Structure formats: C-alpha cells, structure tokens
C-alpha cells in the first residue's frame, strides 16, 4: 500500500514567520507532527511519501504513485485542505482525512469528496481505518468513544521530513488541559485530563532526532506542557541528564499556563533542561473578562508579577491576547498594550475572539442566535469576529487594529525586548562553544543593517545591544534572535490592518448589526411592556 501524506498550506499568520525564516534560509517554522505520527501508527510494511505544501507542492509523479492520500489539518488550513481533497479526487485517489479541523466539522470534508474520515485521536481510529482498507472498503467514518493511552504511541517518522526546510522540530509529551476556558477547543478535542507519554518515550524521540543529525530547536507542542505537573517533573529530571550527556544539542520552547510562575521547581527544571521560551495564554488583563470566559487560573495572582518571575527564571515569555469578550469595556486594546509594555513581553499573539466549532462559547452563542452566517472562526489574527459581540464590532475592530500596530511599532518592540532580556535569568550550565553557521552570521549582519543602520531604530538598537552586553551578556544570542523577530511583525502588522479593514468595510456595506447587548436590552424592555 502506497500512502501519500499531504499537509495543507498555512496562510500568513503570526506563526508563519516568513521574514525571519528567510534570514536563516528555512522554509517553515514547524513540521507536520500529526502526519509523521500517523505514518508511525500505520503498518510499517506500507510505503510512505510526505509532501508539506508549505515547502513545495506534490508532483504529478507523487500523485500517480499513491494508492491512498491522507491529509490532516487545523482550521486555519481549511481552504487548502478542501482544495487538496478535490485535487486528489480529480486523479481518482482514495482520500482519508483527519486532524483537528475535520474532527470538529466532518461534514465540510465529506462535502468535497473525502472517502475516509479518521476522526478524533489516531491511536484508536487509525486501526479501524487499517482494517477497512484491508477488507477492501472504499469509504468509512471512524470515531473514538474514549481517549487513548498515549504511552503506546510510537516514535514519529521524522525520517519522512525534509529536515533542512524546518527551523524547529516538534515533539509532544501530553494531550489535554485541566482548565475550562470557554473559547478553547483543546478541551473539546483532547479532554480535561492531561495524558502523558513516559519519559522513556519522549527521550527515544529525541534520540531519533539526534541520530538524524538534528541540532536546532525543538518545540514541545503540548497545549499546556505543565497540565500534569507530576509527570512533567519526572520527564524533566530525566531530560536534564540526557541533555548534559548529549552536550545540549537542542533548545526547547513550549506552551504553559501562567501558574507555571507559582512552581519554582518546575521553572528551575525547565531552564536546566534547555527551555528558552514559553507561550502563555494570558488573553486579557481585565479580570471581569477572565471570569466571563472561565479562565479562573489567571485571576489567582498578579499577572505582571507572574510574567516577571518567569523571565527572571530564564524563560522568554510569548503571550496570547484576545479582544472581544462579552461585557468588555471600551479601551481593551489599549489595556492589553499597556500590560505587554509593563510586563516586558516581546512577542504577543493578539487576535479578535473567535467562536470555534463545538466549544462552550460556540454552543452558548449559537443558543443566543449570535453566530454570524457563513463565518468560520479560524483563530487567525487577520480574521474579523465570527459572532455578534456585546459592543459595536466596528469599534472593536478599529481598536484591535490600532493596538496590534502599536504592539509591533519597531521602537516599542525593541524597548520591550530590551527590558525583558535585561532582567532575564541564566541557567547554571553553559552549552559548549561552537562556531556559528554562516547562515546565522549572515542573518545577524542583515538584522544589524536593517535595525542598527537603516531604520529609525538605529540609536535604540545600539544602546540596547551594548547595555545587554554590559549587564547580562549571557543572553546576547537569544536577545538578538528576539530582535530579529520584528522583521516578520513589521510586515505582518500591515497585513493585519489591510485585511481587517477590508472585512470591516464589507461588513459595514452589508449593514452592521446592532450590538448584542442592545438587542438583549430591547427584547427585555419589550417583554416587560407586554407583562405590564
């Protein structure tokens, strides 16, 4: 059986990092971990080829070679996923589809011709698909009624990847998150009880990457790396030994809840294992909005102090922010900007709230009749809200645009990054010195030319650089890398402005709806009048 694995295109997003990747001659930030895991679960006597369309399209020879085409996608990849299903069907191929987006809205992939729907988690549903193929079936839908034990998940087939095209590799230790944020689809897809692999499993995956020659970053793609703190600490204690024995070949980034700041042992272990950055779902500094969306874990202590604790431990914070929560007061965008400045968070994924399919938010808004017709929430920063908010959507959109552009003003970005790295802690270990690759030297020279000579940032750039060298020289390499990130955001903030303004103009041309809060008030007034 010949299997062609196809990964659809990501549109330009916060995470696409085109301008940064160009500096270091990479094509894509992260590989399709889901598809290489699928390849590991399928029978190993089958033949596999993988095409990541973010690197290149499939060739006609690859289409012709395949017996079955398997695709996996997130919601942001929706359009190219649907297009590629149709391309495969034009060539008479059997098409199997899975991943977060098809699992959430299976009818959309069915409507364009997908034959097999391998939904939920593959450890359970892929064996069902294998049995169907071996019986000679040409269609089927496979769903799981329980969550799998991930301790049986095999090592992903990293060998199928075009390794030189990626800036980082991906591994996963856990699935699921213990919290109940109303807007989050992770708890819908993977549950609220975090399930982890064993430390031996994860280290075996790192061994394989090491054997393949990988020596760059590794992203722990867990949606909340510290969801099961006991098991994570067991992993980190073994990972610390592994990293020392292998002379620190990788640096790690991950995502975690803000309560990481309350666990000094966890922070120390992460830094000692080579973690350098952590994405934090902060969402908003407005406590009322956090309560409304059931993100209670962010209300238990000072968010600013928590971020400072994480920085001083030695981790660069990235943060997710959202505008558009119910009951939100005007000026939320400005409050987010002020918080990011006060907390010295260099990079922030800032977006308008989206109601993702089957989340608690989506069900509530559907019941209230507030979902906008023909609008899919796709968690991209360039997408207008897909539901009727409690204040005018035009006001929200314009506030969002201005806040996003302010966050990525090149001078403000440099200042935040400088303040962050000035107080950043260092691990007790030091990786062996090595000569930087020419591609890294070239990237450094380009950043110096653009930010230190060509642009208005020139004085700030040199002042901050020499100050870091004087006061915290151990972070200099990481600091310059963070400065380089603004090469992406300078262009991306204009993309955000253009696309949101375009969608807003179309929305207003159709006749803007009354904000939901006013609709509700009028309905309540009418009901009271009828009663009286």
Protein backbone atom coordinates (compact mmCIF):
# COMPACT_ATOMS: atom_id res chain seq x y z
CA UNK A 1 0.00 0.00 0.00
CA UNK A 2 1.45 3.35 -1.08
CA UNK A 3 0.46 6.30 1.13
CA UNK A 4 0.93 9.94 0.14
CA UNK A 5 0.74 12.19 3.21
CA UNK A 6 -0.17 15.78 2.30
CA UNK A 7 -0.04 18.74 4.67
CA UNK A 8 -2.05 21.81 3.54
CA UNK A 9 -0.78 25.38 3.32
CA UNK A 10 -0.92 27.77 6.25
CA UNK A 11 -1.92 31.32 5.27
CA UNK A 12 0.26 34.13 6.60
CA UNK A 13 -0.17 34.22 10.37
CA UNK A 14 1.65 35.34 13.49
CA UNK A 15 3.39 31.94 13.49
CA UNK A 16 4.37 31.79 9.82
CA UNK A 17 7.48 33.94 10.40
CA UNK A 18 8.32 34.23 6.68
CA UNK A 19 10.71 37.16 7.05
CA UNK A 20 12.59 35.55 9.94
CA UNK A 21 12.86 32.22 8.15
CA UNK A 22 14.23 33.94 5.05
CA UNK A 23 17.11 35.24 7.18
CA UNK A 24 18.22 31.70 8.03
CA UNK A 25 17.29 30.00 4.73
CA UNK A 26 14.43 27.95 6.16
CA UNK A 27 11.03 27.40 4.57
CA UNK A 28 8.78 26.58 7.52
CA UNK A 29 8.83 27.04 11.29
CA UNK A 30 7.46 23.61 12.35
CA UNK A 31 6.85 20.22 10.67
CA UNK A 32 3.51 18.30 10.47
CA UNK A 33 3.97 16.24 13.64
CA UNK A 34 0.50 14.72 13.29
CA UNK A 35 1.20 13.23 9.86
CA UNK A 36 4.58 11.73 10.80
CA UNK A 37 2.88 10.21 13.85
CA UNK A 38 0.15 8.80 11.58
CA UNK A 39 2.88 7.25 9.42
CA UNK A 40 4.35 5.60 12.53
CA UNK A 41 1.00 4.09 13.57
CA UNK A 42 0.16 2.68 10.12
CA UNK A 43 1.66 -0.70 9.09
CA UNK A 44 5.38 -0.22 8.54
CA UNK A 45 5.39 -2.54 5.53
CA UNK A 46 3.36 0.15 3.71
CA UNK A 47 5.29 2.74 1.70
CA UNK A 48 5.14 6.44 2.59
CA UNK A 49 5.90 9.77 0.99
CA UNK A 50 5.21 13.10 2.68
CA UNK A 51 4.57 16.44 1.00
CA UNK A 52 4.40 19.55 3.15
CA UNK A 53 2.78 22.09 0.83
CA UNK A 54 4.29 24.88 2.91
CA UNK A 55 7.60 23.75 1.36
CA UNK A 56 6.52 22.58 -2.09
CA UNK A 57 3.50 21.15 -3.98
CA UNK A 58 3.08 17.45 -4.72
CA UNK A 59 4.42 16.40 -8.12
CA UNK A 60 2.34 14.55 -10.68
CA UNK A 61 4.65 11.58 -10.18
CA UNK A 62 3.81 11.56 -6.44
CA UNK A 63 0.06 11.79 -7.14
CA UNK A 64 0.35 8.91 -9.62
CA UNK A 65 2.42 6.80 -7.20
CA UNK A 66 -0.15 6.93 -4.38
CA UNK A 67 -2.86 4.35 -3.64
CA UNK A 68 -4.29 6.47 -0.81
CA UNK A 69 -3.86 10.17 0.01
CA UNK A 70 -4.00 11.10 3.71
CA UNK A 71 -4.44 14.73 4.81
CA UNK A 72 -4.55 16.36 8.24
CA UNK A 73 -5.28 19.99 9.04
CA UNK A 74 -6.13 22.64 11.58
CA UNK A 75 -8.95 25.10 10.98
CA UNK A 76 -6.61 27.82 9.72
CA UNK A 77 -5.60 25.45 6.88
CA UNK A 78 -9.22 24.85 5.84
CA UNK A 79 -9.17 26.28 2.33
CA UNK A 80 -6.09 24.43 1.09
CA UNK A 81 -7.29 21.22 2.76
CA UNK A 82 -10.56 21.33 0.80
CA UNK A 83 -8.67 22.18 -2.40
CA UNK A 84 -6.26 19.26 -1.98
CA UNK A 85 -9.07 16.79 -1.33
CA UNK A 86 -10.57 17.84 -4.65
CA UNK A 87 -7.19 17.61 -6.41
CA UNK A 88 -6.77 14.04 -5.15
CA UNK A 89 -10.29 13.08 -6.24
CA UNK A 90 -9.68 14.52 -9.73
CA UNK A 91 -6.87 11.99 -10.01
CA UNK A 92 -9.11 9.14 -8.87
CA UNK A 93 -7.43 8.64 -5.49
CA UNK A 94 -8.91 7.31 -2.29
CA UNK A 95 -8.74 10.18 0.22
CA UNK A 96 -8.54 9.85 4.02
CA UNK A 97 -8.75 12.94 6.21
CA UNK A 98 -8.19 13.58 9.92
CA UNK A 99 -6.89 16.11 12.40
CA UNK A 100 -8.48 18.88 14.49
CA UNK A 101 -10.47 20.61 11.74
CA UNK A 102 -12.13 17.52 10.18
CA UNK A 103 -12.84 16.19 13.68
CA UNK A 104 -14.68 19.42 14.55
CA UNK A 105 -16.67 19.78 11.29
CA UNK A 106 -16.57 16.44 9.41
CA UNK A 107 -19.38 17.38 7.02
CA UNK A 108 -17.20 20.01 5.33
CA UNK A 109 -14.59 17.48 4.20
CA UNK A 110 -17.29 14.97 3.29
CA UNK A 111 -18.95 17.55 1.05
CA UNK A 112 -15.86 17.88 -1.15
CA UNK A 113 -15.33 14.15 -1.57
CA UNK A 114 -13.23 12.73 1.28
CA UNK A 115 -13.73 8.94 1.36
CA UNK A 116 -12.43 8.08 4.83
CA UNK A 117 -12.86 10.28 7.90
CA UNK A 118 -10.31 9.26 10.54
CA UNK A 119 -11.53 11.47 13.37
CA UNK A 120 -10.59 12.05 17.00
CA UNK A 121 -7.22 10.56 18.05
CA UNK A 122 -5.42 8.23 15.68
CA UNK A 123 -4.23 5.68 18.22
CA UNK A 124 -7.84 4.44 18.29
CA UNK A 125 -9.24 5.35 14.86
CA UNK A 126 -6.28 4.52 12.61
CA UNK A 127 -6.51 0.78 13.40
CA UNK A 128 -10.17 0.97 12.31
CA UNK A 129 -9.07 2.56 9.05
CA UNK A 130 -6.39 -0.12 8.53
CA UNK A 131 -8.99 -2.88 8.94
CA UNK A 132 -11.30 -1.15 6.45
CA UNK A 133 -8.53 -0.83 3.86
CA UNK A 134 -7.53 -4.46 4.31
CA UNK A 135 -11.18 -5.52 3.78
CA UNK A 136 -11.22 -3.57 0.53
CA UNK A 137 -13.62 -0.85 1.76
CA UNK A 138 -13.61 2.40 -0.20
CA UNK A 139 -15.19 4.67 2.41
CA UNK A 140 -15.90 4.93 6.12
CA UNK A 141 -16.06 7.16 9.17
CA UNK A 142 -14.10 6.19 12.26
CA UNK A 143 -14.71 7.81 15.64
CA UNK A 144 -13.47 7.12 19.16
CA UNK A 145 -15.67 6.93 22.24
CA UNK A 146 -12.72 7.32 24.62
CA UNK A 147 -9.33 8.98 24.83
CA UNK A 148 -6.32 6.76 24.05
CA UNK A 149 -3.45 5.91 26.35
CA UNK A 150 -0.58 7.76 24.66
CA UNK A 151 2.05 5.54 26.29
CA UNK A 152 1.55 3.24 23.28
CA UNK A 153 2.17 5.95 20.67
CA UNK A 154 5.19 5.03 18.50
CA UNK A 155 8.13 7.28 17.66
CA UNK A 156 7.06 9.62 14.80
CA UNK A 157 8.57 9.00 11.37
CA UNK A 158 10.80 12.08 11.42
CA UNK A 159 12.81 10.48 8.61
CA UNK A 160 9.99 11.35 6.15
CA UNK A 161 10.58 15.08 6.65
CA UNK A 162 12.74 17.39 4.55
CA UNK A 163 14.65 18.35 7.69
CA UNK A 164 16.67 21.22 6.22
CA UNK A 165 13.46 23.11 5.41
CA UNK A 166 12.38 23.47 9.06
CA UNK A 167 13.58 25.89 11.71
CA UNK A 168 12.41 23.69 14.59
CA UNK A 169 11.26 20.13 15.15
CA UNK A 170 8.14 19.17 17.13
CA UNK A 171 7.56 16.56 19.81
CA UNK A 172 4.56 16.03 22.08
CA UNK A 173 4.61 14.81 25.68
CA UNK A 174 0.97 15.31 26.70
CA UNK A 175 -2.55 15.87 25.39
CA UNK A 176 -5.37 17.65 27.18
CA UNK A 177 -5.62 20.55 29.63
CA UNK A 178 -7.16 20.62 33.13
CA UNK A 179 -8.77 24.05 32.74
CA UNK A 180 -12.15 25.06 31.29
CA UNK A 181 -11.65 28.22 29.21
CA UNK A 182 -14.93 28.79 27.36
CA UNK A 183 -13.37 29.63 23.98
CA UNK A 184 -10.84 26.76 23.86
CA UNK A 185 -11.28 23.75 21.58
CA UNK A 186 -8.37 21.79 23.09
CA UNK A 187 -10.51 20.52 25.95
CA UNK A 188 -13.18 19.53 23.41
CA UNK A 189 -10.72 17.64 21.21
CA UNK A 190 -8.43 16.14 23.85
CA UNK A 191 -10.24 16.36 27.17
CA UNK A 192 -9.53 17.96 30.54
CA UNK A 193 -7.46 15.10 31.95
CA UNK A 194 -3.91 15.52 30.62
CA UNK A 195 -2.49 12.22 29.35
CA UNK A 196 1.29 11.92 29.09
CA UNK A 197 3.83 9.70 27.45
CA UNK A 198 6.53 8.11 29.60
CA UNK A 199 9.88 9.89 29.95
CA UNK A 200 11.48 6.96 28.10
CA UNK A 201 9.16 7.51 25.12
CA UNK A 202 9.97 11.19 24.83
CA UNK A 203 13.70 10.59 25.20
CA UNK A 204 13.51 7.91 22.49
CA UNK A 205 12.02 10.53 20.16
CA UNK A 206 14.86 12.93 20.98
CA UNK A 207 17.36 10.10 20.43
CA UNK A 208 15.92 9.59 16.95
CA UNK A 209 16.13 13.29 16.10
CA UNK A 210 19.70 13.31 17.38
CA UNK A 211 20.57 10.29 15.22
CA UNK A 212 19.09 12.04 12.20
CA UNK A 213 21.53 14.89 12.79
CA UNK A 214 19.10 17.46 14.20
CA UNK A 215 20.87 20.14 16.30
CA UNK A 216 18.42 23.05 16.41
CA UNK A 217 15.28 23.97 18.32
CA UNK A 218 12.56 21.55 19.42
CA UNK A 219 9.03 22.73 20.18
CA UNK A 220 7.10 20.77 22.82
CA UNK A 221 3.72 21.24 21.17
CA UNK A 222 1.66 20.32 24.25
CA UNK A 223 -1.20 22.80 24.60
CA UNK A 224 -0.34 23.04 28.29
CA UNK A 225 3.03 21.45 28.96
CA UNK A 226 2.54 21.61 32.74
CA UNK A 227 -1.03 20.25 32.75
CA UNK A 228 0.15 17.11 34.59
CA UNK A 229 2.85 18.60 36.81
CA UNK A 230 3.88 15.36 38.48
CA UNK A 231 4.61 13.58 35.20
CA UNK A 232 6.27 16.61 33.64
CA UNK A 233 8.71 16.84 36.54
CA UNK A 234 9.54 13.15 36.15
CA UNK A 235 10.30 13.83 32.48
CA UNK A 236 12.38 16.94 33.18
CA UNK A 237 14.55 15.15 35.74
CA UNK A 238 15.48 12.54 33.13
CA UNK A 239 15.71 15.09 30.31
CA UNK A 240 18.19 17.14 32.36
CA UNK A 241 20.55 14.15 32.47
CA UNK A 242 20.00 13.36 28.75
CA UNK A 243 20.78 16.94 27.71
CA UNK A 244 24.00 17.03 29.74
CA UNK A 245 25.14 13.67 28.34
CA UNK A 246 24.46 14.85 24.77
CA UNK A 247 26.08 18.27 25.38
CA UNK A 248 22.88 20.27 24.99
CA UNK A 249 22.12 19.68 21.30
CA UNK A 250 18.65 21.28 21.41
CA UNK A 251 16.85 24.24 22.87
CA UNK A 252 13.19 23.83 23.75
CA UNK A 253 10.15 26.09 23.52
CA UNK A 254 6.66 25.20 24.71
CA UNK A 255 3.23 26.44 25.87
CA UNK A 256 2.10 26.54 29.50
CA UNK A 257 -0.49 28.08 31.77
CA UNK A 258 0.52 31.14 33.80
CA UNK A 259 0.51 29.13 37.05
CA UNK A 260 3.96 27.97 35.94
CA UNK A 261 5.19 31.04 37.81
CA UNK A 262 3.99 29.56 41.09
CA UNK A 263 6.15 26.43 40.75
CA UNK A 264 9.78 27.34 41.36
CA UNK A 265 10.95 23.72 41.00
CA UNK A 266 9.27 23.41 37.58
CA UNK A 267 10.82 26.66 36.36
CA UNK A 268 14.29 25.63 37.51
CA UNK A 269 13.99 22.20 35.89
CA UNK A 270 12.79 23.65 32.58
CA UNK A 271 15.67 26.11 32.39
CA UNK A 272 18.20 23.46 33.39
CA UNK A 273 16.85 21.23 30.59
CA UNK A 274 17.42 23.89 27.94
CA UNK A 275 13.99 25.52 27.67
CA UNK A 276 14.37 29.06 26.40
CA UNK A 277 10.83 30.36 25.72
CA UNK A 278 7.27 29.67 26.84
CA UNK A 279 3.97 30.75 25.32
CA UNK A 280 1.48 31.92 27.96
CA UNK A 281 -2.26 32.20 27.39
CA UNK A 282 -2.84 35.48 29.22
CA UNK A 283 -5.77 36.61 26.99
CA UNK A 284 -6.54 39.89 28.79
CA UNK A 285 -5.57 41.88 31.89
CA UNK A 286 -9.30 42.54 32.51
CA UNK A 287 -10.33 40.30 35.40
CA UNK A 288 -14.04 40.57 34.57
CA UNK A 289 -13.37 39.15 31.10
CA UNK A 290 -11.22 36.36 32.53
CA UNK A 291 -14.07 35.44 34.87
CA UNK A 292 -16.58 35.59 31.99
CA UNK A 293 -14.55 33.19 29.85
CA UNK A 294 -13.84 30.89 32.83
CA UNK A 295 -10.09 31.41 32.75
CA UNK A 296 -10.00 31.42 36.52
CA UNK A 297 -6.36 30.30 36.73
CA UNK A 298 -5.34 33.78 35.51
CA UNK A 299 -7.15 35.58 38.34
CA UNK A 300 -5.39 33.99 41.30
CA UNK A 301 -2.31 36.22 41.41
CA UNK A 302 -0.76 39.24 39.73
CA UNK A 303 -0.24 38.53 36.03
CA UNK A 304 2.57 41.09 35.78
CA UNK A 305 4.43 39.55 38.71
CA UNK A 306 3.93 36.07 37.25
CA UNK A 307 5.50 37.09 33.93
CA UNK A 308 8.39 38.76 35.76
CA UNK A 309 9.01 35.57 37.76
CA UNK A 310 9.15 33.53 34.55
CA UNK A 311 11.58 35.97 32.90
CA UNK A 312 13.88 36.09 35.91
CA UNK A 313 13.94 32.28 35.96
CA UNK A 314 15.42 32.37 32.43
CA UNK A 315 12.48 31.96 30.03
CA UNK A 316 11.43 34.43 27.32
CA UNK A 317 7.65 34.88 27.54
CA UNK A 318 5.41 34.89 24.49
CA UNK A 319 1.80 35.72 25.23
CA UNK A 320 -1.61 35.25 23.69
CA UNK A 321 -4.09 38.14 23.97
CA UNK A 322 -7.72 38.34 22.86
CA UNK A 323 -10.13 41.24 22.40
CA UNK A 324 -13.91 40.93 22.21
CA UNK A 325 -15.09 39.14 25.36
CA UNK A 326 -18.69 39.67 26.45
CA UNK A 327 -19.15 42.70 28.67
CA UNK A 328 -15.72 44.06 27.73
CA UNK A 329 -15.40 47.82 28.21
CA UNK A 330 -14.03 50.18 25.56
CA UNK A 331 -10.26 50.57 25.57
CA UNK A 332 -9.47 46.86 25.96
CA UNK A 333 -6.87 47.12 23.19
CA UNK A 334 -5.04 49.94 24.95
CA UNK A 335 -5.13 48.00 28.22
CA UNK A 336 -3.53 44.99 26.51
CA UNK A 337 -0.79 47.20 25.04
CA UNK A 338 -0.11 48.77 28.45
CA UNK A 339 0.05 45.34 30.07
CA UNK A 340 2.50 43.98 27.47
CA UNK A 341 4.68 47.06 27.99
CA UNK A 342 4.53 46.85 31.79
CA UNK A 343 5.27 43.10 31.79
CA UNK A 344 8.03 43.44 29.13
CA UNK A 345 6.63 40.70 26.88
CA UNK A 346 8.35 40.96 23.47
CA UNK A 347 6.06 38.81 21.26
CA UNK A 348 2.29 38.63 21.61
CA UNK A 349 -0.27 36.78 19.50
CA UNK A 350 -3.09 39.27 19.59
CA UNK A 351 -6.40 38.37 17.92
CA UNK A 352 -10.12 39.04 17.94
CA UNK A 353 -12.13 36.41 19.79
CA UNK A 354 -13.46 33.58 17.60
CA UNK A 355 -16.15 31.03 18.42
CA UNK A 356 -14.53 27.77 17.36
CA UNK A 357 -16.84 24.85 16.45
CA UNK A 358 -18.24 22.83 19.37
CA UNK A 359 -16.57 24.89 22.10
CA UNK A 360 -18.64 26.02 25.09
CA UNK A 361 -18.53 29.54 23.65
CA UNK A 362 -19.81 28.34 20.26
CA UNK A 363 -22.71 26.44 21.85
CA UNK A 364 -23.67 29.43 24.01
CA UNK A 365 -23.57 31.91 21.13
CA UNK A 366 -25.48 29.54 18.87
CA UNK A 367 -28.21 29.26 21.50
CA UNK A 368 -28.31 33.05 21.77
CA UNK A 369 -28.50 33.43 17.97
CA UNK A 370 -25.28 35.42 17.80
CA UNK A 371 -23.15 33.46 15.32
CA UNK A 372 -22.62 35.39 12.08
CA UNK A 373 -23.77 33.50 8.99
CA UNK A 374 -21.12 31.89 6.77
CA UNK A 375 -18.32 32.97 9.11
CA UNK A 376 -15.88 30.35 10.41
CA UNK A 377 -13.70 31.24 13.37
CA UNK A 378 -10.16 30.38 12.31
CA UNK A 379 -8.01 31.86 15.12
CA UNK A 380 -6.00 33.92 12.64
CA UNK A 381 -5.02 37.48 13.52
CA UNK A 382 -6.41 38.66 10.18
CA UNK A 383 -9.99 37.48 10.78
CA UNK A 384 -12.95 39.57 11.92
CA UNK A 385 -15.00 38.10 14.75
CA UNK A 386 -17.44 35.39 13.66
CA UNK A 387 -20.17 36.35 16.13
CA UNK A 388 -22.09 39.42 17.29
CA UNK A 389 -20.21 40.97 20.26
CA UNK A 390 -21.68 42.98 23.11
CA UNK A 391 -20.24 46.23 21.79
CA UNK A 392 -20.12 47.51 18.20
CA UNK A 393 -17.98 45.28 16.01
CA UNK A 394 -16.65 48.32 14.15
CA UNK A 395 -15.41 49.83 17.43
CA UNK A 396 -13.77 46.53 18.40
CA UNK A 397 -12.11 46.07 15.02
CA UNK A 398 -10.62 49.55 14.90
CA UNK A 399 -9.42 49.26 18.49
CA UNK A 400 -7.82 45.92 17.63
CA UNK A 401 -6.03 47.25 14.54
CA UNK A 402 -4.53 50.20 16.39
CA UNK A 403 -3.46 48.08 19.36
CA UNK A 404 -1.86 45.43 17.12
CA UNK A 405 0.08 48.05 15.17
CA UNK A 406 1.18 49.77 18.38
CA UNK A 407 2.43 46.49 19.87
CA UNK A 408 4.62 45.99 16.82
CA UNK A 409 5.86 49.53 16.44
CA UNK A 410 9.57 48.79 15.84
CA UNK A 411 10.81 51.12 18.59
CA UNK A 412 8.33 49.87 21.19
CA UNK A 413 9.11 46.26 20.29
CA UNK A 414 12.85 46.85 20.74
CA UNK A 415 12.27 48.58 24.08
CA UNK A 416 10.11 45.73 25.44
CA UNK A 417 12.60 43.13 24.24
CA UNK A 418 15.46 45.04 25.87
CA UNK A 419 13.68 45.31 29.23
CA UNK A 420 12.82 41.62 29.10
CA UNK A 421 16.37 40.42 28.45
CA UNK A 422 17.94 42.86 30.87
CA UNK A 423 16.27 41.01 33.76
CA UNK A 424 16.37 37.51 32.28
CA UNK A 425 17.99 34.80 34.36
CA UNK A 426 20.56 32.29 33.15
CA UNK A 427 20.87 28.52 33.64
CA UNK A 428 23.75 27.20 35.72
CA UNK A 429 25.05 25.17 32.75
CA UNK A 430 26.65 26.53 29.63
CA UNK A 431 26.47 24.76 26.28
CA UNK A 432 29.85 24.04 24.67
CA UNK A 433 31.05 26.88 22.47
CA UNK A 434 30.84 26.29 18.74
CA UNK A 435 31.42 28.32 15.61
CA UNK A 436 28.15 29.81 14.31
CA UNK A 437 26.97 28.66 10.90
CA UNK A 438 27.46 31.12 8.03
CA UNK A 439 23.68 31.38 7.66
CA UNK A 440 23.45 32.65 11.27
CA UNK A 441 26.27 35.17 10.73
CA UNK A 442 24.53 36.40 7.56
CA UNK A 443 21.21 36.78 9.41
CA UNK A 444 22.94 38.75 12.17
CA UNK A 445 24.52 41.12 9.64
CA UNK A 446 21.14 41.71 7.97
CA UNK A 447 19.48 42.50 11.30
CA UNK A 448 22.31 44.90 12.21
CA UNK A 449 21.99 46.63 8.82
CA UNK A 450 18.21 46.98 8.97
CA UNK A 451 17.67 47.77 12.66
CA UNK A 452 21.04 49.31 13.56
CA UNK A 453 21.75 51.45 10.50
CA UNK A 454 18.87 51.75 8.02
CA UNK A 455 15.81 52.33 10.23
CA UNK A 456 14.77 54.83 12.89
CA UNK A 457 15.56 52.16 15.47
CA UNK A 458 19.30 52.68 14.96
CA UNK A 459 20.04 54.55 18.21
CA UNK A 460 17.88 52.29 20.33
CA UNK A 461 19.37 49.19 18.70
CA UNK A 462 22.98 50.07 19.57
CA UNK A 463 22.19 51.43 23.03
CA UNK A 464 20.25 48.30 23.97
CA UNK A 465 22.78 45.93 22.42
CA UNK A 466 25.75 47.40 24.32
CA UNK A 467 23.73 47.61 27.53
CA UNK A 468 22.82 43.89 27.29
CA UNK A 469 26.48 43.05 26.59
CA UNK A 470 27.48 45.01 29.69
CA UNK A 471 24.76 43.95 32.15
CA UNK A 472 23.58 40.49 31.01
CA UNK A 473 26.00 39.17 28.34
CA UNK A 474 24.92 35.54 28.75
CA UNK A 475 21.61 36.23 26.96
CA UNK A 476 23.05 38.10 23.96
CA UNK A 477 22.48 35.38 21.35
CA UNK A 478 18.89 34.87 22.47
CA UNK A 479 18.37 38.65 22.62
CA UNK A 480 19.48 39.23 19.03
CA UNK A 481 17.27 36.37 17.87
CA UNK A 482 14.28 38.05 19.57
CA UNK A 483 15.18 41.36 17.92
CA UNK A 484 15.17 39.60 14.55
CA UNK A 485 11.56 38.52 15.10
CA UNK A 486 10.38 42.05 14.45
CA UNK A 487 11.36 41.60 10.80
CA UNK A 488 8.22 39.46 10.49
CA UNK A 489 5.95 41.70 12.54
CA UNK A 490 6.84 44.88 10.66
CA UNK A 491 5.24 43.42 7.53
CA UNK A 492 2.57 41.38 9.31
CA UNK A 493 1.04 44.32 11.17
CA UNK A 494 0.25 45.93 7.81
CA UNK A 495 -1.30 42.67 6.61
CA UNK A 496 -3.49 42.66 9.74
CA UNK A 497 -4.56 46.27 9.14
CA UNK A 498 -5.34 45.74 5.45
CA UNK A 499 -7.29 42.51 5.88
CA UNK A 500 -9.33 43.56 8.93
CA UNK A 501 -10.19 46.90 7.32
CA UNK A 502 -11.26 45.11 4.14
CA UNK A 503 -13.51 42.69 6.04
CA UNK A 504 -14.89 45.54 8.14
CA UNK A 505 -15.77 47.58 5.05
CA UNK A 506 -17.63 44.59 3.61
CA UNK A 507 -19.42 44.07 6.93
CA UNK A 508 -20.50 47.72 7.12
CA UNK A 509 -21.61 47.73 3.48
CA UNK A 510 -23.98 44.87 4.28
CA UNK A 511 -25.50 46.85 7.16
CA UNK A 512 -23.88 46.47 10.57
CA UNK A 513 -25.87 44.54 13.16
CA UNK A 514 -26.90 46.09 16.47
CA UNK A 515 -24.55 45.01 19.28
CA UNK A 516 -25.95 42.02 21.12
CA UNK A 517 -26.24 43.84 24.44
CA UNK A 518 -28.63 46.38 22.86
CA UNK A 519 -30.64 43.64 21.15
CA UNK A 520 -31.00 41.92 24.52
CA UNK A 521 -31.96 45.14 26.30
CA UNK A 522 -34.66 45.94 23.73
CA UNK A 523 -36.05 42.40 23.94
CA UNK A 524 -36.19 42.65 27.75
CA UNK A 525 -37.89 46.08 27.55
CA UNK A 526 -40.45 44.68 25.09
CA UNK A 527 -41.14 41.69 27.35
CA UNK A 528 -41.60 43.96 30.38
CA UNK A 529 -44.01 46.17 28.42
CA UNK A 530 -46.10 43.16 27.40
CA UNK A 531 -46.30 41.96 31.02
CA UNK A 532 -47.30 45.39 32.35
